[in-house]
């Protein structure tokens, strides 16, 4: 009887874990391609992501001198090719970018600093008229 209970408990934990993984996914920071297109308070970013992408979001931190945008891609597929696909994501800031520095949040993380899109000489902003 004890083994059945243990087996049932392990099964329930496995099902709950799989369901949580499916619904919440694995969100990973993704460096965006430079430069970003900026028109007032709207920033359009392009990034190279997975062909198995389930979604993406942009986390924004703003202060008077700097705006940091971190693109996070969610991929639930267990198996996917390494083919990169170009995606656009648009972010609305609380206020126009103006003279504030625009920073790629993923490039501030040590594991992404070596990425080509994170190079120090990359121009991060291209202003557009809206």
C-alpha atoms as a PDB file:
ATOM      1  CA  UNK A   1       0.000   0.000   0.000  1.00  0.00           C
ATOM      2  CA  UNK A   2       2.875   2.423   0.797  1.00  0.00           C
ATOM      3  CA  UNK A   3       4.462   1.923  -2.631  1.00  0.00           C
ATOM      4  CA  UNK A   4       1.201   2.807  -4.341  1.00  0.00           C
ATOM      5  CA  UNK A   5       0.972   6.054  -2.403  1.00  0.00           C
ATOM      6  CA  UNK A   6       4.570   6.950  -3.239  1.00  0.00           C
ATOM      7  CA  UNK A   7       3.988   6.142  -6.903  1.00  0.00           C
ATOM      8  CA  UNK A   8       0.790   8.220  -6.926  1.00  0.00           C
ATOM      9  CA  UNK A   9       2.550  11.162  -5.245  1.00  0.00           C
ATOM     10  CA  UNK A  10       5.446  11.032  -7.717  1.00  0.00           C
ATOM     11  CA  UNK A  11       2.969  10.895 -10.613  1.00  0.00           C
ATOM     12  CA  UNK A  12       1.064  13.928  -9.315  1.00  0.00           C
ATOM     13  CA  UNK A  13       4.288  15.889  -8.847  1.00  0.00           C
ATOM     14  CA  UNK A  14       5.346  15.006 -12.400  1.00  0.00           C
ATOM     15  CA  UNK A  15       2.022  16.104 -13.892  1.00  0.00           C
ATOM     16  CA  UNK A  16       1.990  19.367 -11.903  1.00  0.00           C
ATOM     17  CA  UNK A  17       5.596  20.111 -12.903  1.00  0.00           C
ATOM     18  CA  UNK A  18       4.886  19.451 -16.587  1.00  0.00           C
ATOM     19  CA  UNK A  19       1.763  21.634 -16.476  1.00  0.00           C
ATOM     20  CA  UNK A  20       3.650  24.489 -14.776  1.00  0.00           C
ATOM     21  CA  UNK A  21       6.446  24.268 -17.355  1.00  0.00           C
ATOM     22  CA  UNK A  22       3.917  24.341 -20.193  1.00  0.00           C
ATOM     23  CA  UNK A  23       1.888  27.271 -18.863  1.00  0.00           C
ATOM     24  CA  UNK A  24       4.767  29.391 -17.625  1.00  0.00           C
ATOM     25  CA  UNK A  25       7.457  28.316 -20.102  1.00  0.00           C
ATOM     26  CA  UNK A  26      11.109  29.113 -20.021  1.00  0.00           C
ATOM     27  CA  UNK A  27      11.722  32.829 -20.493  1.00  0.00           C
ATOM     28  CA  UNK A  28      15.230  33.784 -21.597  1.00  0.00           C
ATOM     29  CA  UNK A  29      16.793  37.221 -22.148  1.00  0.00           C
ATOM     30  CA  UNK A  30      17.591  37.812 -25.811  1.00  0.00           C
ATOM     31  CA  UNK A  31      19.892  40.613 -27.054  1.00  0.00           C
ATOM     32  CA  UNK A  32      18.211  42.823 -29.609  1.00  0.00           C
ATOM     33  CA  UNK A  33      19.696  43.757 -32.941  1.00  0.00           C
ATOM     34  CA  UNK A  34      21.026  47.300 -33.105  1.00  0.00           C
ATOM     35  CA  UNK A  35      20.009  50.004 -33.717  1.00  0.00           C
ATOM     36  CA  UNK A  36      16.537  50.312 -32.192  1.00  0.00           C
ATOM     37  CA  UNK A  37      14.066  52.548 -34.025  1.00  0.00           C
ATOM     38  CA  UNK A  38      12.803  55.294 -31.750  1.00  0.00           C
ATOM     39  CA  UNK A  39       9.969  57.723 -32.381  1.00  0.00           C
ATOM     40  CA  UNK A  40       9.143  59.744 -29.276  1.00  0.00           C
ATOM     41  CA  UNK A  41       8.053  57.286 -26.589  1.00  0.00           C
ATOM     42  CA  UNK A  42       7.816  54.305 -28.956  1.00  0.00           C
ATOM     43  CA  UNK A  43      10.803  51.976 -29.348  1.00  0.00           C
ATOM     44  CA  UNK A  44      10.806  49.250 -31.973  1.00  0.00           C
ATOM     45  CA  UNK A  45      13.291  46.469 -31.425  1.00  0.00           C
ATOM     46  CA  UNK A  46      14.263  43.606 -33.694  1.00  0.00           C
ATOM     47  CA  UNK A  47      15.777  40.456 -32.257  1.00  0.00           C
ATOM     48  CA  UNK A  48      16.759  37.043 -33.526  1.00  0.00           C
ATOM     49  CA  UNK A  49      14.855  34.338 -31.724  1.00  0.00           C
ATOM     50  CA  UNK A  50      13.819  30.716 -31.925  1.00  0.00           C
ATOM     51  CA  UNK A  51      11.578  29.405 -34.672  1.00  0.00           C
ATOM     52  CA  UNK A  52       9.777  27.560 -31.845  1.00  0.00           C
ATOM     53  CA  UNK A  53       9.013  30.747 -29.914  1.00  0.00           C
ATOM     54  CA  UNK A  54       5.756  30.828 -27.981  1.00  0.00           C
ATOM     55  CA  UNK A  55       5.919  34.501 -27.094  1.00  0.00           C
ATOM     56  CA  UNK A  56       8.051  37.425 -26.062  1.00  0.00           C
ATOM     57  CA  UNK A  57       7.855  40.394 -23.744  1.00  0.00           C
ATOM     58  CA  UNK A  58       9.979  43.417 -23.033  1.00  0.00           C
ATOM     59  CA  UNK A  59      10.878  44.413 -19.474  1.00  0.00           C
ATOM     60  CA  UNK A  60      11.497  48.163 -19.199  1.00  0.00           C
ATOM     61  CA  UNK A  61      13.315  50.105 -16.491  1.00  0.00           C
ATOM     62  CA  UNK A  62      13.297  53.886 -16.865  1.00  0.00           C
ATOM     63  CA  UNK A  63      14.903  56.725 -14.955  1.00  0.00           C
ATOM     64  CA  UNK A  64      15.885  60.288 -15.877  1.00  0.00           C
ATOM     65  CA  UNK A  65      19.195  59.269 -17.500  1.00  0.00           C
ATOM     66  CA  UNK A  66      18.709  55.780 -18.844  1.00  0.00           C
ATOM     67  CA  UNK A  67      16.165  53.336 -20.297  1.00  0.00           C
ATOM     68  CA  UNK A  68      16.985  49.636 -20.095  1.00  0.00           C
ATOM     69  CA  UNK A  69      14.933  47.259 -22.208  1.00  0.00           C
ATOM     70  CA  UNK A  70      15.330  43.509 -21.815  1.00  0.00           C
ATOM     71  CA  UNK A  71      13.621  41.337 -24.422  1.00  0.00           C
ATOM     72  CA  UNK A  72      12.595  37.966 -22.982  1.00  0.00           C
ATOM     73  CA  UNK A  73      11.560  35.147 -25.276  1.00  0.00           C
ATOM     74  CA  UNK A  74       9.498  32.169 -24.123  1.00  0.00           C
ATOM     75  CA  UNK A  75      10.097  28.794 -25.770  1.00  0.00           C
ATOM     76  CA  UNK A  76       8.250  25.694 -24.591  1.00  0.00           C
ATOM     77  CA  UNK A  77       9.437  23.258 -27.261  1.00  0.00           C
ATOM     78  CA  UNK A  78      11.703  20.529 -25.967  1.00  0.00           C
ATOM     79  CA  UNK A  79      13.382  20.127 -29.338  1.00  0.00           C
ATOM     80  CA  UNK A  80      13.962  22.831 -31.910  1.00  0.00           C
ATOM     81  CA  UNK A  81      16.484  23.607 -34.613  1.00  0.00           C
ATOM     82  CA  UNK A  82      19.072  26.354 -34.227  1.00  0.00           C
ATOM     83  CA  UNK A  83      17.532  28.380 -37.040  1.00  0.00           C
ATOM     84  CA  UNK A  84      17.238  32.020 -35.977  1.00  0.00           C
ATOM     85  CA  UNK A  85      14.143  33.984 -36.947  1.00  0.00           C
ATOM     86  CA  UNK A  86      13.886  37.774 -36.951  1.00  0.00           C
ATOM     87  CA  UNK A  87      11.082  39.202 -34.784  1.00  0.00           C
ATOM     88  CA  UNK A  88       9.956  42.755 -34.009  1.00  0.00           C
ATOM     89  CA  UNK A  89       8.645  43.933 -30.665  1.00  0.00           C
ATOM     90  CA  UNK A  90       7.347  47.412 -29.918  1.00  0.00           C
ATOM     91  CA  UNK A  91       7.683  49.077 -26.519  1.00  0.00           C
ATOM     92  CA  UNK A  92       5.925  52.220 -25.300  1.00  0.00           C
ATOM     93  CA  UNK A  93       7.932  54.167 -22.741  1.00  0.00           C
ATOM     94  CA  UNK A  94       6.414  56.265 -19.957  1.00  0.00           C
ATOM     95  CA  UNK A  95       8.022  59.337 -21.568  1.00  0.00           C
ATOM     96  CA  UNK A  96       9.883  60.015 -24.848  1.00  0.00           C
ATOM     97  CA  UNK A  97      13.439  58.694 -24.890  1.00  0.00           C
ATOM     98  CA  UNK A  98      14.879  62.162 -25.505  1.00  0.00           C
ATOM     99  CA  UNK A  99      18.521  62.400 -24.389  1.00  0.00           C
ATOM    100  CA  UNK A 100      18.378  59.323 -22.184  1.00  0.00           C
ATOM    101  CA  UNK A 101      20.706  56.421 -22.908  1.00  0.00           C
ATOM    102  CA  UNK A 102      19.013  53.321 -24.380  1.00  0.00           C
ATOM    103  CA  UNK A 103      20.505  50.072 -23.047  1.00  0.00           C
ATOM    104  CA  UNK A 104      19.964  46.430 -23.995  1.00  0.00           C
ATOM    105  CA  UNK A 105      19.333  44.693 -20.667  1.00  0.00           C
ATOM    106  CA  UNK A 106      20.449  41.276 -21.954  1.00  0.00           C
ATOM    107  CA  UNK A 107      23.836  42.726 -22.911  1.00  0.00           C
ATOM    108  CA  UNK A 108      24.362  43.778 -19.292  1.00  0.00           C
ATOM    109  CA  UNK A 109      24.324  40.099 -18.260  1.00  0.00           C
ATOM    110  CA  UNK A 110      27.719  38.327 -18.323  1.00  0.00           C
ATOM    111  CA  UNK A 111      26.397  35.332 -20.269  1.00  0.00           C
ATOM    112  CA  UNK A 112      25.375  37.573 -23.211  1.00  0.00           C
ATOM    113  CA  UNK A 113      28.148  40.194 -23.165  1.00  0.00           C
ATOM    114  CA  UNK A 114      30.154  38.301 -25.817  1.00  0.00           C
ATOM    115  CA  UNK A 115      27.270  38.299 -28.330  1.00  0.00           C
ATOM    116  CA  UNK A 116      27.926  40.195 -31.536  1.00  0.00           C
ATOM    117  CA  UNK A 117      24.864  42.401 -30.945  1.00  0.00           C
ATOM    118  CA  UNK A 118      26.309  43.458 -27.576  1.00  0.00           C
ATOM    119  CA  UNK A 119      29.514  44.999 -28.912  1.00  0.00           C
ATOM    120  CA  UNK A 120      30.542  48.300 -27.321  1.00  0.00           C
ATOM    121  CA  UNK A 121      30.711  50.119 -30.638  1.00  0.00           C
ATOM    122  CA  UNK A 122      27.161  49.271 -31.658  1.00  0.00           C
ATOM    123  CA  UNK A 123      24.909  52.235 -32.255  1.00  0.00           C
ATOM    124  CA  UNK A 124      21.798  51.555 -30.155  1.00  0.00           C
ATOM    125  CA  UNK A 125      19.377  54.205 -31.432  1.00  0.00           C
ATOM    126  CA  UNK A 126      18.024  55.279 -34.790  1.00  0.00           C
ATOM    127  CA  UNK A 127      15.529  58.113 -34.408  1.00  0.00           C
ATOM    128  CA  UNK A 128      12.479  58.114 -36.692  1.00  0.00           C
ATOM    129  CA  UNK A 129       9.722  60.643 -37.129  1.00  0.00           C
ATOM    130  CA  UNK A 130       6.201  59.682 -36.106  1.00  0.00           C
END
